[in-house]
Amino acid sequence: MQTKNNNQPLSPTQSLANLRNSMVPSREAMEQVDQLFARMMAIYQRLWTESFSSLDALSLTKFEWAKQIDRLSPVQIEQGIQGCIDSGEKYPPTLPLFVKYAKTEPEILPKSRRKVY
């Protein structure tokens, strides 16, 4: 059973409230998802936008992505985007695949391959 900070057990109602609160993404995560989805649209174009059958589907998808974005750092989100690009896949990633890319350490290029154009 979970406990409060003062080691008193949480009631079932408090546990349920904590679970509900943990299932709602932060406002910051929702804003980050809006930005992420705009970038994914730029990368995948109509393949991204056509994957949402309705505005309700888009809203539900954004909500689920935001819950995971809340668990990632800005660096990891960038790694996720770069992982999508580096994969060479034509189709956009699923949420689990994006999270996998985000949590994968990037390959460090040797100095001879790092070029500034």
Protein backbone atom coordinates (compact mmCIF):
# COMPACT_ATOMS: atom_id res chain seq x y z
CA MET A 1 0.00 0.00 0.00
CA GLN A 2 1.25 3.51 -0.78
CA THR A 3 2.02 5.83 2.09
CA LYS A 4 1.94 9.54 2.68
CA ASN A 5 5.15 11.43 3.42
CA ASN A 6 4.52 10.97 7.14
CA ASN A 7 4.28 7.17 6.66
CA GLN A 8 0.51 7.01 7.15
CA PRO A 9 -1.17 4.71 4.62
CA LEU A 10 -3.15 6.30 1.81
CA SER A 11 -6.84 5.58 1.74
CA PRO A 12 -8.25 3.86 -1.36
CA THR A 13 -9.81 7.19 -2.38
CA GLN A 14 -6.45 8.97 -2.11
CA SER A 15 -4.74 6.20 -4.09
CA LEU A 16 -7.36 6.45 -6.83
CA ALA A 17 -7.00 10.25 -6.93
CA ASN A 18 -3.22 9.90 -7.24
CA LEU A 19 -3.66 7.42 -10.08
CA ARG A 20 -6.06 9.74 -11.91
CA ASN A 21 -3.67 12.68 -11.50
CA SER A 22 -0.79 10.60 -12.82
CA MET A 23 -2.85 9.72 -15.91
CA VAL A 24 -3.40 13.37 -16.89
CA PRO A 25 -0.52 14.92 -18.82
CA SER A 26 0.79 18.32 -17.78
CA ARG A 27 -0.09 21.46 -19.70
CA GLU A 28 3.58 21.71 -20.70
CA ALA A 29 3.45 18.19 -22.17
CA MET A 30 0.33 19.06 -24.15
CA GLU A 31 2.13 22.12 -25.58
CA GLN A 32 5.19 20.01 -26.39
CA VAL A 33 2.98 17.51 -28.20
CA ASP A 34 1.49 20.31 -30.31
CA GLN A 35 5.01 21.31 -31.32
CA LEU A 36 6.07 17.69 -31.85
CA PHE A 37 3.05 16.97 -34.04
CA ALA A 38 3.81 20.06 -36.15
CA ARG A 39 7.35 18.78 -36.66
CA MET A 40 6.13 15.28 -37.49
CA MET A 41 3.78 16.82 -40.05
CA ALA A 42 6.75 18.63 -41.60
CA ILE A 43 8.74 15.39 -41.70
CA TYR A 44 6.05 12.93 -42.80
CA GLN A 45 3.65 15.37 -44.48
CA ARG A 46 0.34 13.80 -45.51
CA LEU A 47 1.33 10.39 -44.13
CA TRP A 48 1.19 11.96 -40.67
CA THR A 49 -1.98 13.99 -41.11
CA GLU A 50 -3.91 11.21 -42.85
CA SER A 51 -3.22 8.81 -40.01
CA PHE A 52 -5.88 10.61 -37.94
CA SER A 53 -9.37 9.70 -39.07
CA SER A 54 -11.06 12.56 -37.21
CA LEU A 55 -10.41 15.46 -34.86
CA ASP A 56 -11.47 13.20 -31.99
CA ALA A 57 -8.85 10.64 -33.01
CA LEU A 58 -6.23 13.40 -33.21
CA SER A 59 -7.17 14.71 -29.75
CA LEU A 60 -7.06 11.24 -28.20
CA THR A 61 -3.72 10.51 -29.85
CA LYS A 62 -2.25 13.81 -28.62
CA PHE A 63 -3.46 13.04 -25.10
CA GLU A 64 -1.76 9.62 -25.10
CA TRP A 65 1.46 11.02 -26.59
CA ALA A 66 1.49 13.82 -24.00
CA LYS A 67 1.39 11.29 -21.15
CA GLN A 68 4.60 9.76 -22.53
CA ILE A 69 6.20 13.12 -23.41
CA ASP A 70 5.77 14.02 -19.73
CA ARG A 71 8.22 11.19 -18.98
CA LEU A 72 10.88 12.35 -21.48
CA SER A 73 13.42 15.16 -21.33
CA PRO A 74 13.69 17.72 -24.14
CA VAL A 75 16.93 16.00 -25.23
CA GLN A 76 15.14 12.65 -25.41
CA ILE A 77 12.33 14.17 -27.48
CA GLU A 78 14.93 15.46 -29.95
CA GLN A 79 16.53 12.00 -29.97
CA GLY A 80 13.12 10.56 -30.77
CA ILE A 81 12.67 12.88 -33.73
CA GLN A 82 16.19 12.19 -34.96
CA GLY A 83 15.61 8.47 -34.52
CA CYS A 84 12.57 8.72 -36.79
CA ILE A 85 14.61 10.46 -39.45
CA ASP A 86 17.64 8.17 -39.07
CA SER A 87 15.46 5.05 -39.33
CA GLY A 88 14.74 5.85 -42.97
CA GLU A 89 11.21 4.55 -42.51
CA LYS A 90 8.66 6.04 -44.89
CA TYR A 91 5.83 5.81 -42.37
CA PRO A 92 5.52 7.71 -39.09
CA PRO A 93 6.31 5.83 -35.90
CA THR A 94 3.85 4.46 -33.42
CA LEU A 95 4.03 5.92 -29.92
CA PRO A 96 5.95 2.93 -28.53
CA LEU A 97 8.49 3.16 -31.35
CA PHE A 98 8.94 6.92 -30.82
CA VAL A 99 9.57 6.32 -27.11
CA LYS A 100 12.10 3.63 -28.01
CA TYR A 101 13.93 6.08 -30.30
CA ALA A 102 13.80 8.73 -27.58
CA LYS A 103 15.39 6.43 -25.02
CA THR A 104 18.11 5.11 -27.36
CA GLU A 105 21.48 6.76 -26.93
CA PRO A 106 22.51 8.58 -30.11
CA GLU A 107 25.48 7.41 -32.10
CA ILE A 108 28.48 9.66 -31.56
CA LEU A 109 30.08 10.44 -34.90
CA PRO A 110 33.86 10.56 -35.16
CA LYS A 111 35.22 14.04 -35.81
CA SER A 112 36.07 13.08 -39.39
CA ARG A 113 32.33 12.60 -40.12
CA ARG A 114 31.16 15.79 -38.42
CA LYS A 115 30.89 18.49 -41.03
CA VAL A 116 29.38 21.91 -40.93
CA TYR A 117 27.74 22.94 -44.17
